[in-house]
């Protein structure tokens, strides 16, 4: 778990961690990113918060979701 800053929404902080992992190659293009359940377990956040993380990353074009399969890093993040 990470130490959350009290003045920044948790979903933004977790999204930044995932964003950095994409940038540094931990999650290369077309690889799976952690699911909502995995985010809740790793970061100790609520399910609704984890959903916001995915929505934010999708809105930024960093990930895409295939229904029934999971979320993946965009080919050109």
PDB file of N, CA and C in Angstrom:
ATOM      1  N   UNK A   1       0.833  -1.192   0.000  1.00  0.00           N
ATOM      2  CA  UNK A   1       0.000   0.000   0.000  1.00  0.00           C
ATOM      3  C   UNK A   1       0.874   1.250   0.000  1.00  0.00           C
ATOM      4  N   UNK A   2       0.299   2.327  -0.492  1.00  0.00           N
ATOM      5  CA  UNK A   2       1.033   3.584  -0.516  1.00  0.00           C
ATOM      6  C   UNK A   2       0.513   4.514   0.566  1.00  0.00           C
ATOM      7  N   UNK A   3       1.315   5.483   0.895  1.00  0.00           N
ATOM      8  CA  UNK A   3       0.905   6.511   1.851  1.00  0.00           C
ATOM      9  C   UNK A   3       0.156   7.570   1.054  1.00  0.00           C
ATOM     10  N   UNK A   4      -1.136   7.710   1.307  1.00  0.00           N
ATOM     11  CA  UNK A   4      -1.957   8.642   0.548  1.00  0.00           C
ATOM     12  C   UNK A   4      -1.826  10.065   1.074  1.00  0.00           C
ATOM     13  N   UNK A   5      -1.700  11.018   0.146  1.00  0.00           N
ATOM     14  CA  UNK A   5      -1.721  12.433   0.514  1.00  0.00           C
ATOM     15  C   UNK A   5      -3.162  12.793   0.851  1.00  0.00           C
ATOM     16  N   UNK A   6      -3.401  13.532   1.919  1.00  0.00           N
ATOM     17  CA  UNK A   6      -4.772  13.814   2.341  1.00  0.00           C
ATOM     18  C   UNK A   6      -5.522  14.805   1.450  1.00  0.00           C
ATOM     19  N   UNK A   7      -4.792  15.585   0.643  1.00  0.00           N
ATOM     20  CA  UNK A   7      -5.444  16.640  -0.133  1.00  0.00           C
ATOM     21  C   UNK A   7      -5.633  16.309  -1.611  1.00  0.00           C
ATOM     22  N   UNK A   8      -5.322  15.070  -2.019  1.00  0.00           N
ATOM     23  CA  UNK A   8      -5.495  14.637  -3.408  1.00  0.00           C
ATOM     24  C   UNK A   8      -6.386  13.397  -3.401  1.00  0.00           C
ATOM     25  N   UNK A   9      -7.420  13.369  -4.270  1.00  0.00           N
ATOM     26  CA  UNK A   9      -8.290  12.191  -4.292  1.00  0.00           C
ATOM     27  C   UNK A   9      -7.484  10.906  -4.485  1.00  0.00           C
ATOM     28  N   UNK A  10      -7.858   9.898  -3.747  1.00  0.00           N
ATOM     29  CA  UNK A  10      -7.109   8.630  -3.800  1.00  0.00           C
ATOM     30  C   UNK A  10      -7.078   8.041  -5.198  1.00  0.00           C
ATOM     31  N   UNK A  11      -8.181   8.156  -5.925  1.00  0.00           N
ATOM     32  CA  UNK A  11      -8.187   7.560  -7.264  1.00  0.00           C
ATOM     33  C   UNK A  11      -7.138   8.220  -8.147  1.00  0.00           C
ATOM     34  N   UNK A  12      -6.914   9.520  -7.980  1.00  0.00           N
ATOM     35  CA  UNK A  12      -5.890  10.206  -8.778  1.00  0.00           C
ATOM     36  C   UNK A  12      -4.483   9.719  -8.398  1.00  0.00           C
ATOM     37  N   UNK A  13      -4.274   9.472  -7.125  1.00  0.00           N
ATOM     38  CA  UNK A  13      -2.969   8.997  -6.668  1.00  0.00           C
ATOM     39  C   UNK A  13      -2.679   7.592  -7.191  1.00  0.00           C
ATOM     40  N   UNK A  14      -3.679   6.723  -7.141  1.00  0.00           N
ATOM     41  CA  UNK A  14      -3.497   5.362  -7.652  1.00  0.00           C
ATOM     42  C   UNK A  14      -3.324   5.400  -9.170  1.00  0.00           C
ATOM     43  N   UNK A  15      -4.105   6.227  -9.858  1.00  0.00           N
ATOM     44  CA  UNK A  15      -3.970   6.352 -11.308  1.00  0.00           C
ATOM     45  C   UNK A  15      -2.564   6.813 -11.678  1.00  0.00           C
ATOM     46  N   UNK A  16      -1.989   7.688 -10.879  1.00  0.00           N
ATOM     47  CA  UNK A  16      -0.628   8.164 -11.146  1.00  0.00           C
ATOM     48  C   UNK A  16       0.388   7.026 -10.998  1.00  0.00           C
ATOM     49  N   UNK A  17       0.185   6.155 -10.024  1.00  0.00           N
ATOM     50  CA  UNK A  17       1.070   4.991  -9.866  1.00  0.00           C
ATOM     51  C   UNK A  17       0.994   4.108 -11.118  1.00  0.00           C
ATOM     52  N   UNK A  18      -0.215   3.824 -11.582  1.00  0.00           N
ATOM     53  CA  UNK A  18      -0.394   2.980 -12.773  1.00  0.00           C
ATOM     54  C   UNK A  18       0.193   3.687 -13.994  1.00  0.00           C
ATOM     55  N   UNK A  19      -0.032   4.994 -14.098  1.00  0.00           N
ATOM     56  CA  UNK A  19       0.522   5.800 -15.196  1.00  0.00           C
ATOM     57  C   UNK A  19       2.053   5.680 -15.231  1.00  0.00           C
ATOM     58  N   UNK A  20       2.685   5.752 -14.072  1.00  0.00           N
ATOM     59  CA  UNK A  20       4.139   5.634 -14.000  1.00  0.00           C
ATOM     60  C   UNK A  20       4.600   4.225 -14.379  1.00  0.00           C
ATOM     61  N   UNK A  21       3.836   3.224 -13.991  1.00  0.00           N
ATOM     62  CA  UNK A  21       4.190   1.846 -14.349  1.00  0.00           C
ATOM     63  C   UNK A  21       4.095   1.632 -15.857  1.00  0.00           C
ATOM     64  N   UNK A  22       3.112   2.280 -16.489  1.00  0.00           N
ATOM     65  CA  UNK A  22       2.995   2.202 -17.949  1.00  0.00           C
ATOM     66  C   UNK A  22       4.197   2.915 -18.575  1.00  0.00           C
ATOM     67  N   UNK A  23       4.517   4.082 -18.060  1.00  0.00           N
ATOM     68  CA  UNK A  23       5.617   4.883 -18.605  1.00  0.00           C
ATOM     69  C   UNK A  23       6.968   4.165 -18.481  1.00  0.00           C
ATOM     70  N   UNK A  24       7.201   3.507 -17.332  1.00  0.00           N
ATOM     71  CA  UNK A  24       8.515   2.875 -17.135  1.00  0.00           C
ATOM     72  C   UNK A  24       8.586   1.454 -17.700  1.00  0.00           C
ATOM     73  N   UNK A  25       7.493   0.978 -18.320  1.00  0.00           N
ATOM     74  CA  UNK A  25       7.521  -0.325 -18.974  1.00  0.00           C
ATOM     75  C   UNK A  25       7.119  -1.495 -18.107  1.00  0.00           C
ATOM     76  N   UNK A  26       6.748  -1.234 -16.844  1.00  0.00           N
ATOM     77  CA  UNK A  26       6.262  -2.327 -16.001  1.00  0.00           C
ATOM     78  C   UNK A  26       5.053  -2.985 -16.666  1.00  0.00           C
ATOM     79  N   UNK A  27       4.188  -2.153 -17.250  1.00  0.00           N
ATOM     80  CA  UNK A  27       3.051  -2.633 -18.041  1.00  0.00           C
ATOM     81  C   UNK A  27       3.284  -2.172 -19.475  1.00  0.00           C
ATOM     82  N   UNK A  28       3.872  -3.025 -20.324  1.00  0.00           N
ATOM     83  CA  UNK A  28       4.129  -2.624 -21.711  1.00  0.00           C
ATOM     84  C   UNK A  28       2.830  -2.555 -22.528  1.00  0.00           C
ATOM     85  N   UNK A  29       2.885  -1.938 -23.710  1.00  0.00           N
ATOM     86  CA  UNK A  29       1.695  -1.870 -24.568  1.00  0.00           C
ATOM     87  C   UNK A  29       1.067  -3.237 -24.782  1.00  0.00           C
ATOM     88  N   UNK A  30      -0.246  -3.247 -24.743  1.00  0.00           N
ATOM     89  CA  UNK A  30      -1.088  -4.433 -24.956  1.00  0.00           C
ATOM     90  C   UNK A  30      -1.042  -5.440 -23.809  1.00  0.00           C
ATOM     91  N   UNK A  31      -0.389  -5.106 -22.702  1.00  0.00           N
ATOM     92  CA  UNK A  31      -0.393  -6.003 -21.545  1.00  0.00           C
ATOM     93  C   UNK A  31      -1.527  -5.610 -20.612  1.00  0.00           C
ATOM     94  N   UNK A  32      -1.943  -6.560 -19.797  1.00  0.00           N
ATOM     95  CA  UNK A  32      -3.040  -6.300 -18.868  1.00  0.00           C
ATOM     96  C   UNK A  32      -2.585  -5.386 -17.739  1.00  0.00           C
ATOM     97  N   UNK A  33      -3.490  -4.528 -17.329  1.00  0.00           N
ATOM     98  CA  UNK A  33      -3.273  -3.711 -16.133  1.00  0.00           C
ATOM     99  C   UNK A  33      -4.095  -4.346 -15.012  1.00  0.00           C
ATOM    100  N   UNK A  34      -3.792  -4.027 -13.762  1.00  0.00           N
ATOM    101  CA  UNK A  34      -4.536  -4.645 -12.659  1.00  0.00           C
ATOM    102  C   UNK A  34      -6.044  -4.394 -12.770  1.00  0.00           C
ATOM    103  N   UNK A  35      -6.799  -5.423 -12.456  1.00  0.00           N
ATOM    104  CA  UNK A  35      -8.260  -5.327 -12.460  1.00  0.00           C
ATOM    105  C   UNK A  35      -8.719  -4.474 -11.284  1.00  0.00           C
ATOM    106  N   UNK A  36      -9.998  -4.157 -11.274  1.00  0.00           N
ATOM    107  CA  UNK A  36     -10.582  -3.401 -10.158  1.00  0.00           C
ATOM    108  C   UNK A  36     -10.324  -4.140  -8.848  1.00  0.00           C
ATOM    109  N   UNK A  37     -10.549  -5.444  -8.842  1.00  0.00           N
ATOM    110  CA  UNK A  37     -10.324  -6.237  -7.632  1.00  0.00           C
ATOM    111  C   UNK A  37      -8.856  -6.191  -7.210  1.00  0.00           C
ATOM    112  N   UNK A  38      -7.950  -6.318  -8.170  1.00  0.00           N
ATOM    113  CA  UNK A  38      -6.525  -6.267  -7.849  1.00  0.00           C
ATOM    114  C   UNK A  38      -6.125  -4.893  -7.298  1.00  0.00           C
ATOM    115  N   UNK A  39      -6.713  -3.824  -7.840  1.00  0.00           N
ATOM    116  CA  UNK A  39      -6.417  -2.480  -7.328  1.00  0.00           C
ATOM    117  C   UNK A  39      -6.913  -2.321  -5.891  1.00  0.00           C
ATOM    118  N   UNK A  40      -8.109  -2.850  -5.611  1.00  0.00           N
ATOM    119  CA  UNK A  40      -8.636  -2.728  -4.245  1.00  0.00           C
ATOM    120  C   UNK A  40      -7.740  -3.463  -3.257  1.00  0.00           C
ATOM    121  N   UNK A  41      -7.218  -4.619  -3.671  1.00  0.00           N
ATOM    122  CA  UNK A  41      -6.354  -5.395  -2.780  1.00  0.00           C
ATOM    123  C   UNK A  41      -4.979  -4.745  -2.611  1.00  0.00           C
ATOM    124  N   UNK A  42      -4.377  -4.300  -3.715  1.00  0.00           N
ATOM    125  CA  UNK A  42      -3.025  -3.744  -3.649  1.00  0.00           C
ATOM    126  C   UNK A  42      -2.975  -2.411  -2.909  1.00  0.00           C
ATOM    127  N   UNK A  43      -3.973  -1.555  -3.146  1.00  0.00           N
ATOM    128  CA  UNK A  43      -3.919  -0.199  -2.602  1.00  0.00           C
ATOM    129  C   UNK A  43      -4.852   0.028  -1.414  1.00  0.00           C
ATOM    130  N   UNK A  44      -5.672  -0.958  -1.094  1.00  0.00           N
ATOM    131  CA  UNK A  44      -6.584  -0.807   0.033  1.00  0.00           C
ATOM    132  C   UNK A  44      -7.646   0.261  -0.200  1.00  0.00           C
ATOM    133  N   UNK A  45      -8.143   0.320  -1.448  1.00  0.00           N
ATOM    134  CA  UNK A  45      -9.158   1.315  -1.799  1.00  0.00           C
ATOM    135  C   UNK A  45     -10.493   0.628  -2.044  1.00  0.00           C
ATOM    136  N   UNK A  46     -11.538   1.410  -2.075  1.00  0.00           N
ATOM    137  CA  UNK A  46     -12.877   0.881  -2.334  1.00  0.00           C
ATOM    138  C   UNK A  46     -13.027   0.523  -3.812  1.00  0.00           C
ATOM    139  N   UNK A  47     -13.956  -0.348  -4.096  1.00  0.00           N
ATOM    140  CA  UNK A  47     -14.229  -0.761  -5.470  1.00  0.00           C
ATOM    141  C   UNK A  47     -14.601   0.437  -6.349  1.00  0.00           C
ATOM    142  N   UNK A  48     -15.430   1.334  -5.824  1.00  0.00           N
ATOM    143  CA  UNK A  48     -15.838   2.522  -6.590  1.00  0.00           C
ATOM    144  C   UNK A  48     -14.627   3.386  -6.935  1.00  0.00           C
ATOM    145  N   UNK A  49     -13.681   3.457  -6.020  1.00  0.00           N
ATOM    146  CA  UNK A  49     -12.459   4.228  -6.255  1.00  0.00           C
ATOM    147  C   UNK A  49     -11.632   3.578  -7.357  1.00  0.00           C
ATOM    148  N   UNK A  50     -11.526   2.260  -7.330  1.00  0.00           N
ATOM    149  CA  UNK A  50     -10.776   1.527  -8.354  1.00  0.00           C
ATOM    150  C   UNK A  50     -11.420   1.707  -9.730  1.00  0.00           C
ATOM    151  N   UNK A  51     -12.749   1.739  -9.773  1.00  0.00           N
ATOM    152  CA  UNK A  51     -13.448   1.984 -11.043  1.00  0.00           C
ATOM    153  C   UNK A  51     -13.088   3.369 -11.578  1.00  0.00           C
ATOM    154  N   UNK A  52     -12.976   4.346 -10.691  1.00  0.00           N
ATOM    155  CA  UNK A  52     -12.594   5.698 -11.115  1.00  0.00           C
ATOM    156  C   UNK A  52     -11.190   5.709 -11.701  1.00  0.00           C
ATOM    157  N   UNK A  53     -10.298   4.909 -11.133  1.00  0.00           N
ATOM    158  CA  UNK A  53      -8.932   4.801 -11.657  1.00  0.00           C
ATOM    159  C   UNK A  53      -8.990   4.346 -13.107  1.00  0.00           C
ATOM    160  N   UNK A  54      -9.738   3.277 -13.377  1.00  0.00           N
ATOM    161  CA  UNK A  54      -9.846   2.755 -14.742  1.00  0.00           C
ATOM    162  C   UNK A  54     -10.486   3.782 -15.671  1.00  0.00           C
ATOM    163  N   UNK A  55     -11.557   4.439 -15.213  1.00  0.00           N
ATOM    164  CA  UNK A  55     -12.217   5.448 -16.050  1.00  0.00           C
ATOM    165  C   UNK A  55     -11.263   6.576 -16.402  1.00  0.00           C
ATOM    166  N   UNK A  56     -10.487   7.029 -15.418  1.00  0.00           N
ATOM    167  CA  UNK A  56      -9.545   8.111 -15.653  1.00  0.00           C
ATOM    168  C   UNK A  56      -8.458   7.732 -16.645  1.00  0.00           C
ATOM    169  N   UNK A  57      -7.921   6.526 -16.499  1.00  0.00           N
ATOM    170  CA  UNK A  57      -6.871   6.066 -17.417  1.00  0.00           C
ATOM    171  C   UNK A  57      -7.420   5.856 -18.824  1.00  0.00           C
ATOM    172  N   UNK A  58      -8.675   5.375 -18.922  1.00  0.00           N
ATOM    173  CA  UNK A  58      -9.304   5.234 -20.244  1.00  0.00           C
ATOM    174  C   UNK A  58      -9.528   6.602 -20.879  1.00  0.00           C
ATOM    175  N   UNK A  59      -9.985   7.566 -20.084  1.00  0.00           N
ATOM    176  CA  UNK A  59     -10.227   8.917 -20.593  1.00  0.00           C
ATOM    177  C   UNK A  59      -8.941   9.555 -21.110  1.00  0.00           C
ATOM    178  N   UNK A  60      -7.813   9.206 -20.494  1.00  0.00           N
ATOM    179  CA  UNK A  60      -6.513   9.731 -20.927  1.00  0.00           C
ATOM    180  C   UNK A  60      -5.940   8.951 -22.110  1.00  0.00           C
ATOM    181  N   UNK A  61      -6.621   7.871 -22.519  1.00  0.00           N
ATOM    182  CA  UNK A  61      -6.150   7.077 -23.650  1.00  0.00           C
ATOM    183  C   UNK A  61      -5.015   6.128 -23.311  1.00  0.00           C
ATOM    184  N   UNK A  62      -4.756   5.914 -22.025  1.00  0.00           N
ATOM    185  CA  UNK A  62      -3.648   5.039 -21.631  1.00  0.00           C
ATOM    186  C   UNK A  62      -4.032   3.570 -21.620  1.00  0.00           C
ATOM    187  N   UNK A  63      -5.310   3.284 -21.358  1.00  0.00           N
ATOM    188  CA  UNK A  63      -5.762   1.893 -21.351  1.00  0.00           C
ATOM    189  C   UNK A  63      -7.056   1.773 -22.142  1.00  0.00           C
ATOM    190  N   UNK A  64      -7.386   0.546 -22.508  1.00  0.00           N
ATOM    191  CA  UNK A  64      -8.678   0.241 -23.114  1.00  0.00           C
ATOM    192  C   UNK A  64      -9.192  -1.026 -22.448  1.00  0.00           C
ATOM    193  N   UNK A  65     -10.502  -1.209 -22.471  1.00  0.00           N
ATOM    194  CA  UNK A  65     -11.118  -2.359 -21.820  1.00  0.00           C
ATOM    195  C   UNK A  65     -11.855  -3.195 -22.843  1.00  0.00           C
ATOM    196  N   UNK A  66     -11.607  -4.487 -22.792  1.00  0.00           N
ATOM    197  CA  UNK A  66     -12.334  -5.455 -23.609  1.00  0.00           C
ATOM    198  C   UNK A  66     -13.315  -6.163 -22.684  1.00  0.00           C
ATOM    199  N   UNK A  67     -14.622  -5.950 -22.881  1.00  0.00           N
ATOM    200  CA  UNK A  67     -15.608  -6.569 -21.997  1.00  0.00           C
ATOM    201  C   UNK A  67     -15.397  -8.077 -21.859  1.00  0.00           C
ATOM    202  N   UNK A  68     -15.401  -8.530 -20.629  1.00  0.00           N
ATOM    203  CA  UNK A  68     -15.230  -9.943 -20.333  1.00  0.00           C
ATOM    204  C   UNK A  68     -13.778 -10.421 -20.359  1.00  0.00           C
ATOM    205  N   UNK A  69     -12.857  -9.524 -20.742  1.00  0.00           N
ATOM    206  CA  UNK A  69     -11.452  -9.935 -20.835  1.00  0.00           C
ATOM    207  C   UNK A  69     -10.549  -9.151 -19.886  1.00  0.00           C
ATOM    208  N   UNK A  70     -10.814  -7.879 -19.708  1.00  0.00           N
ATOM    209  CA  UNK A  70      -9.970  -7.074 -18.832  1.00  0.00           C
ATOM    210  C   UNK A  70      -9.561  -5.772 -19.491  1.00  0.00           C
ATOM    211  N   UNK A  71      -8.669  -5.063 -18.813  1.00  0.00           N
ATOM    212  CA  UNK A  71      -8.163  -3.777 -19.299  1.00  0.00           C
ATOM    213  C   UNK A  71      -6.693  -3.925 -19.651  1.00  0.00           C
ATOM    214  N   UNK A  72      -6.314  -3.260 -20.719  1.00  0.00           N
ATOM    215  CA  UNK A  72      -4.978  -3.395 -21.285  1.00  0.00           C
ATOM    216  C   UNK A  72      -4.372  -2.026 -21.580  1.00  0.00           C
ATOM    217  N   UNK A  73      -3.047  -1.986 -21.605  1.00  0.00           N
ATOM    218  CA  UNK A  73      -2.343  -0.762 -21.980  1.00  0.00           C
ATOM    219  C   UNK A  73      -2.574  -0.526 -23.463  1.00  0.00           C
ATOM    220  N   UNK A  74      -2.897   0.697 -23.814  1.00  0.00           N
ATOM    221  CA  UNK A  74      -3.113   1.047 -25.233  1.00  0.00           C
ATOM    222  C   UNK A  74      -1.841   0.782 -26.022  1.00  0.00           C
ATOM    223  N   UNK A  75      -1.984   0.416 -27.310  1.00  0.00           N
ATOM    224  CA  UNK A  75      -0.812   0.149 -28.128  1.00  0.00           C
ATOM    225  C   UNK A  75       0.156   1.335 -28.195  1.00  0.00           C
ATOM    226  N   UNK A  76      -0.366   2.555 -28.211  1.00  0.00           N
ATOM    227  CA  UNK A  76       0.466   3.757 -28.234  1.00  0.00           C
ATOM    228  C   UNK A  76       0.066   4.662 -27.078  1.00  0.00           C
ATOM    229  N   UNK A  77       0.484   4.323 -25.831  1.00  0.00           N
ATOM    230  CA  UNK A  77       0.043   5.140 -24.686  1.00  0.00           C
ATOM    231  C   UNK A  77       0.645   6.539 -24.716  1.00  0.00           C
TER     232      UNK A  77
END
